[in-house]
Amino acid sequence: MKSRREILEEFVAQDPSESFSRYALALELEKEKRVHEAVEHLREVISRDPGYTAAYQQLGRLLGQIGLLDDARDIYQRGIEAARASGDHRSISEMQDALEMIE
């Protein structure tokens, strides 16, 4: 039986531009302590779909966890702008709070 990660890897291979599958794969990789791989997938989500605000939140959090605070700040700031553009007030608030915690 295939693991959730393996299934998500197949989905990403079938349609690399589909944001949700890649985002979900990143979360699975994080659960497996494969944080650097998760970071790369989240960066790819943002690159392909700059309006996917959840990816900014997760990427900022992971970058902060691995000590890349300048990168985390940059991602949160970019995420806040993306959330503003889409009117996602909840994400704006959450990312502003996260940004304040690392400053």
Protein backbone atom coordinates (compact mmCIF):
# COMPACT_ATOMS: atom_id res chain seq x y z
CA MET A 1 0.00 0.00 0.00
CA LYS A 2 1.34 3.40 -0.96
CA SER A 3 1.96 6.07 1.64
CA ARG A 4 0.22 9.43 1.50
CA ARG A 5 3.56 10.98 0.46
CA GLU A 6 3.99 8.51 -2.40
CA ILE A 7 0.46 9.21 -3.67
CA LEU A 8 1.08 12.96 -3.52
CA GLU A 9 4.41 12.54 -5.32
CA GLU A 10 2.52 10.79 -8.12
CA PHE A 11 -0.03 13.62 -8.28
CA VAL A 12 2.77 16.20 -8.50
CA ALA A 13 4.51 14.17 -11.21
CA GLN A 14 1.27 14.00 -13.21
CA ASP A 15 0.55 17.73 -12.90
CA PRO A 16 3.52 19.75 -11.58
CA SER A 17 1.58 23.02 -11.78
CA GLU A 18 -1.26 21.87 -9.47
CA SER A 19 -0.62 23.85 -6.28
CA PHE A 20 -2.66 21.90 -3.75
CA SER A 21 -0.95 18.55 -4.37
CA ARG A 22 2.51 20.11 -4.15
CA TYR A 23 1.50 22.02 -0.99
CA ALA A 24 0.13 18.83 0.60
CA LEU A 25 3.32 16.98 -0.38
CA ALA A 26 5.39 19.65 1.37
CA LEU A 27 3.36 19.15 4.55
CA GLU A 28 3.87 15.38 4.36
CA LEU A 29 7.61 15.84 3.86
CA GLU A 30 7.71 18.10 6.92
CA LYS A 31 6.00 15.37 8.97
CA GLU A 32 8.78 13.02 7.86
CA LYS A 33 11.38 15.57 9.04
CA ARG A 34 12.42 16.23 5.43
CA VAL A 35 12.20 19.98 5.97
CA HIS A 36 14.59 21.08 3.23
CA GLU A 37 12.59 19.13 0.64
CA ALA A 38 9.38 20.64 2.03
CA VAL A 39 10.91 24.11 1.69
CA GLU A 40 11.75 23.49 -1.96
CA HIS A 41 8.22 22.34 -2.76
CA LEU A 42 6.72 25.37 -1.01
CA ARG A 43 9.05 27.66 -2.95
CA GLU A 44 7.86 25.96 -6.13
CA VAL A 45 4.20 26.47 -5.19
CA ILE A 46 4.84 30.19 -4.71
CA SER A 47 6.83 30.41 -7.92
CA ARG A 48 4.05 28.79 -9.95
CA ASP A 49 1.09 30.26 -8.02
CA PRO A 50 2.03 33.56 -6.28
CA GLY A 51 -1.49 33.93 -4.89
CA TYR A 52 -1.38 30.70 -2.86
CA THR A 53 -1.13 32.41 0.53
CA ALA A 54 -1.04 29.24 2.64
CA ALA A 55 2.29 28.36 1.03
CA TYR A 56 3.82 31.63 2.24
CA GLN A 57 2.64 30.94 5.78
CA GLN A 58 4.07 27.44 5.86
CA LEU A 59 7.30 28.40 4.12
CA GLY A 60 7.88 31.32 6.47
CA ARG A 61 7.33 29.05 9.47
CA LEU A 62 9.72 26.38 8.17
CA LEU A 63 12.41 28.91 7.27
CA GLY A 64 12.14 30.34 10.77
CA GLN A 65 12.45 26.87 12.29
CA ILE A 66 15.68 26.15 10.42
CA GLY A 67 17.14 29.51 11.36
CA LEU A 68 16.78 31.36 8.05
CA LEU A 69 15.13 34.36 9.68
CA ASP A 70 15.87 36.89 6.93
CA ASP A 71 14.35 34.54 4.37
CA ALA A 72 11.36 33.93 6.65
CA ARG A 73 10.80 37.69 7.02
CA ASP A 74 10.96 38.15 3.25
CA ILE A 75 8.47 35.33 2.63
CA TYR A 76 6.05 36.64 5.24
CA GLN A 77 6.22 40.14 3.74
CA ARG A 78 5.62 38.76 0.24
CA GLY A 79 2.80 36.62 1.60
CA ILE A 80 1.16 39.61 3.25
CA GLU A 81 1.22 41.43 -0.10
CA ALA A 82 -0.28 38.39 -1.86
CA ALA A 83 -2.97 38.12 0.81
CA ARG A 84 -3.77 41.83 0.48
CA ALA A 85 -4.15 41.43 -3.27
CA SER A 86 -6.72 38.68 -2.74
CA GLY A 87 -8.44 40.29 0.25
CA ASP A 88 -7.46 37.40 2.55
CA HIS A 89 -7.59 39.29 5.87
CA ARG A 90 -7.13 36.20 8.03
CA SER A 91 -3.86 35.29 6.30
CA ILE A 92 -2.67 38.90 6.54
CA SER A 93 -3.25 38.87 10.29
CA GLU A 94 -1.61 35.47 10.80
CA MET A 95 1.47 36.39 8.78
CA GLN A 96 1.80 39.78 10.48
CA ASP A 97 1.70 38.02 13.86
CA ALA A 98 4.33 35.50 12.70
CA LEU A 99 6.50 38.30 11.33
CA GLU A 100 6.34 40.19 14.64
CA MET A 101 7.42 37.05 16.52
CA ILE A 102 10.67 36.80 14.56
CA GLU A 103 11.54 40.48 14.61
